[in-house]
Amino acid sequence: MNTIPNRQKALEILHEHIKSPQLIRHSLAVAACMQWHAEYYNIADAEKELWYVTGLLHDFDYELHPDPITPDGHPFWGVRYLETQGAPKEMLEAILGHANYSDVPRVSLLSKVLYAVDELSGFVTACVLVRPDKNISELKVSSVTKRFKDKAFAKGCNREDMIQGAQELGVELDKHVENVIAGVKTIADEIGLHI
């Protein structure tokens, strides 16, 4: 039987597998963006928990299984583990689909949003952390897009994935940046940002 892990169970899974505070903050930011987008797209209340938990657990296996080349790497190992926990198919497909190298197509809105917010939420967070006040309330879309052009800034964030994510959602990049900023704002205090 497929069941969505509740938030408490998902947090237990997250903390059992991830020790890096930075990766935990990233997972929380992605979950918050998923929750924000579930509201934005008027997702039924019964599905909103699925969106949040999918965001929270999308990278839970990355720290222990980072090598994507092997079948035991991220996200393949994590999806097999979540399958044993009864996670629903749409959650597993979204997590697989957030990695381009998995060759799993992003068909559902859930999978497209996860892909679109993953890299960009990390980039937005980095844009806030370099501000002297660490205040996301003052972060402008133009500041993010300016940093976007600086290839030396947040080198680990794949710009092509961010562009492709917005395109797959059918939104302009500036609007997508605005939406992700709004999503990250909902969890700012918890991940060390000011609001």
Protein backbone atom coordinates (compact mmCIF):
# COMPACT_ATOMS: atom_id res chain seq x y z
CA MET A 1 0.00 0.00 0.00
CA ASN A 2 1.33 3.42 -0.96
CA THR A 3 1.46 5.97 1.81
CA ILE A 4 2.97 9.40 2.00
CA PRO A 5 5.40 9.60 4.90
CA ASN A 6 4.08 12.25 7.27
CA ARG A 7 6.29 15.23 8.04
CA GLN A 8 7.57 13.76 11.28
CA LYS A 9 8.54 10.47 9.63
CA ALA A 10 10.08 12.36 6.70
CA LEU A 11 12.16 14.50 9.08
CA GLU A 12 13.33 11.34 10.86
CA ILE A 13 14.42 9.86 7.51
CA LEU A 14 16.15 13.13 6.60
CA HIS A 15 18.10 13.38 9.87
CA GLU A 16 18.95 9.69 9.86
CA HIS A 17 20.69 10.02 6.49
CA ILE A 18 21.97 13.61 6.42
CA LYS A 19 24.37 15.19 8.89
CA SER A 20 25.36 18.26 6.86
CA PRO A 21 23.50 21.33 8.17
CA GLN A 22 23.76 22.90 4.72
CA LEU A 23 22.06 19.93 3.02
CA ILE A 24 19.36 19.87 5.69
CA ARG A 25 18.71 23.58 5.13
CA HIS A 26 18.55 22.97 1.37
CA SER A 27 16.02 20.15 1.88
CA LEU A 28 13.88 22.41 4.09
CA ALA A 29 14.05 25.22 1.52
CA VAL A 30 13.00 22.91 -1.32
CA ALA A 31 10.15 21.53 0.81
CA ALA A 32 8.98 25.08 1.58
CA CYS A 33 9.09 25.98 -2.12
CA MET A 34 7.13 22.84 -2.96
CA GLN A 35 4.51 23.77 -0.36
CA TRP A 36 4.34 27.34 -1.70
CA HIS A 37 3.89 26.06 -5.26
CA ALA A 38 1.20 23.60 -4.17
CA GLU A 39 -0.77 26.63 -2.97
CA TYR A 40 0.11 28.61 -6.11
CA TYR A 41 -1.18 25.85 -8.39
CA ASN A 42 -4.27 25.20 -6.23
CA ILE A 43 -3.30 21.62 -5.51
CA ALA A 44 -5.96 19.75 -3.55
CA ASP A 45 -5.41 19.77 0.21
CA ALA A 46 -5.06 15.98 0.21
CA GLU A 47 -2.02 16.27 -2.10
CA LYS A 48 -0.19 19.15 -0.40
CA GLU A 49 1.58 16.89 2.10
CA LEU A 50 2.90 14.82 -0.81
CA TRP A 51 4.40 17.95 -2.37
CA TYR A 52 6.08 19.03 0.88
CA VAL A 53 7.49 15.60 1.73
CA THR A 54 8.72 15.05 -1.83
CA GLY A 55 10.70 18.28 -1.56
CA LEU A 56 11.99 17.39 1.88
CA LEU A 57 13.26 13.97 0.85
CA HIS A 58 14.45 14.60 -2.71
CA ASP A 59 18.15 14.60 -1.68
CA PHE A 60 18.08 12.60 1.56
CA ASP A 61 20.42 9.95 0.12
CA TYR A 62 22.90 12.41 -1.42
CA GLU A 63 25.33 12.56 1.48
CA LEU A 64 25.77 8.79 1.80
CA HIS A 65 25.27 7.85 -1.87
CA PRO A 66 26.44 10.82 -3.97
CA ASP A 67 27.75 8.92 -7.01
CA PRO A 68 25.13 9.07 -9.77
CA ILE A 69 27.07 6.67 -12.01
CA THR A 70 26.22 3.59 -9.98
CA PRO A 71 22.79 2.07 -9.34
CA ASP A 72 23.46 2.65 -5.65
CA GLY A 73 23.99 6.38 -6.16
CA HIS A 74 21.69 9.36 -5.73
CA PRO A 75 18.71 9.35 -6.30
CA PHE A 76 18.41 5.65 -7.20
CA TRP A 77 19.30 4.34 -3.74
CA GLY A 78 16.94 6.81 -2.07
CA VAL A 79 14.01 5.91 -4.31
CA ARG A 80 14.47 2.21 -3.58
CA TYR A 81 14.56 2.98 0.15
CA LEU A 82 11.43 5.15 -0.04
CA GLU A 83 9.69 2.41 -2.01
CA THR A 84 10.25 0.05 0.93
CA GLN A 85 8.61 2.69 3.13
CA GLY A 86 5.51 2.63 0.92
CA ALA A 87 6.07 5.98 -0.81
CA PRO A 88 3.68 6.57 -3.71
CA LYS A 89 4.75 6.20 -7.33
CA GLU A 90 4.33 9.90 -8.15
CA MET A 91 6.75 10.83 -5.35
CA LEU A 92 9.32 8.30 -6.54
CA GLU A 93 9.02 9.45 -10.17
CA ALA A 94 9.44 13.10 -9.16
CA ILE A 95 12.56 12.34 -7.12
CA LEU A 96 14.05 10.30 -9.97
CA GLY A 97 13.10 13.00 -12.48
CA HIS A 98 14.85 15.80 -10.60
CA ALA A 99 18.14 14.25 -11.77
CA ASN A 100 18.55 14.69 -15.53
CA TYR A 101 20.91 11.71 -15.70
CA SER A 102 18.18 9.34 -14.49
CA ASP A 103 16.43 9.66 -17.88
CA VAL A 104 13.07 9.66 -16.08
CA PRO A 105 10.80 12.17 -17.84
CA ARG A 106 9.11 14.87 -15.82
CA VAL A 107 5.46 14.44 -16.74
CA SER A 108 3.53 15.42 -13.63
CA LEU A 109 3.34 18.95 -12.27
CA LEU A 110 4.85 17.60 -9.04
CA SER A 111 7.97 16.41 -10.86
CA LYS A 112 8.29 19.61 -12.92
CA VAL A 113 8.04 21.83 -9.85
CA LEU A 114 10.57 19.75 -7.88
CA TYR A 115 13.06 20.04 -10.73
CA ALA A 116 12.38 23.75 -11.15
CA VAL A 117 12.78 24.72 -7.49
CA ASP A 118 15.71 22.47 -6.55
CA GLU A 119 18.65 24.39 -8.00
CA LEU A 120 16.99 27.79 -7.87
CA SER A 121 16.13 27.59 -4.16
CA GLY A 122 19.81 26.95 -3.44
CA PHE A 123 20.80 29.85 -5.66
CA VAL A 124 18.30 32.21 -4.01
CA THR A 125 19.57 31.16 -0.58
CA ALA A 126 23.15 31.87 -1.68
CA CYS A 127 22.07 35.31 -2.91
CA VAL A 128 20.66 36.08 0.53
CA LEU A 129 23.66 34.73 2.44
CA VAL A 130 26.08 37.10 0.72
CA ARG A 131 23.98 40.09 1.76
CA PRO A 132 25.35 41.80 4.89
CA ASP A 133 21.94 41.68 6.58
CA LYS A 134 21.08 38.12 5.38
CA ASN A 135 17.56 39.51 4.86
CA ILE A 136 15.49 37.83 2.18
CA SER A 137 12.77 40.49 2.44
CA GLU A 138 15.08 42.93 0.69
CA LEU A 139 16.13 40.51 -2.06
CA LYS A 140 15.03 41.66 -5.50
CA VAL A 141 14.53 39.48 -8.57
CA SER A 142 17.00 41.72 -10.41
CA SER A 143 19.66 40.98 -7.78
CA VAL A 144 19.20 37.25 -8.35
CA THR A 145 19.32 37.52 -12.14
CA LYS A 146 22.41 39.75 -11.92
CA ARG A 147 24.16 37.09 -9.82
CA PHE A 148 22.88 34.50 -12.28
CA LYS A 149 25.16 35.99 -14.94
CA ASP A 150 28.21 35.79 -12.64
CA LYS A 151 29.52 32.29 -13.32
CA ALA A 152 31.91 32.49 -10.35
CA PHE A 153 28.99 32.96 -7.94
CA ALA A 154 27.43 29.76 -6.55
CA LYS A 155 29.34 27.65 -9.06
CA GLY A 156 27.62 24.48 -7.85
CA CYS A 157 24.21 25.71 -9.02
CA ASN A 158 23.49 24.64 -12.58
CA ARG A 159 22.12 27.64 -14.48
CA GLU A 160 20.93 25.50 -17.38
CA ASP A 161 18.79 23.41 -15.00
CA MET A 162 17.27 26.60 -13.57
CA ILE A 163 16.39 27.89 -17.03
CA GLN A 164 15.04 24.52 -18.13
CA GLY A 165 12.96 24.24 -14.95
CA ALA A 166 11.22 27.56 -15.61
CA GLN A 167 10.66 26.56 -19.24
CA GLU A 168 9.12 23.22 -18.26
CA LEU A 169 6.71 25.08 -15.97
CA GLY A 170 5.91 27.50 -18.78
CA VAL A 171 6.86 30.61 -16.77
CA GLU A 172 9.34 33.40 -17.46
CA LEU A 173 12.56 33.06 -15.49
CA ASP A 174 11.96 36.35 -13.63
CA LYS A 175 8.51 35.18 -12.50
CA HIS A 176 9.93 31.84 -11.43
CA VAL A 177 12.66 33.58 -9.42
CA GLU A 178 9.97 35.72 -7.76
CA ASN A 179 7.98 32.59 -6.86
CA VAL A 180 11.00 30.79 -5.42
CA ILE A 181 11.94 33.83 -3.35
CA ALA A 182 8.39 33.78 -1.97
CA GLY A 183 8.72 30.07 -1.16
CA VAL A 184 12.09 30.46 0.59
CA LYS A 185 10.70 33.40 2.61
CA THR A 186 8.25 31.02 4.29
CA ILE A 187 11.12 29.15 5.95
CA ALA A 188 13.70 31.94 6.22
CA ASP A 189 14.13 31.88 10.00
CA GLU A 190 14.54 28.11 10.10
CA ILE A 191 17.35 28.10 7.54
CA GLY A 192 19.33 31.02 8.94
CA LEU A 193 17.96 33.88 6.86
CA HIS A 194 16.37 37.04 8.18
CA ILE A 195 12.99 38.37 7.19
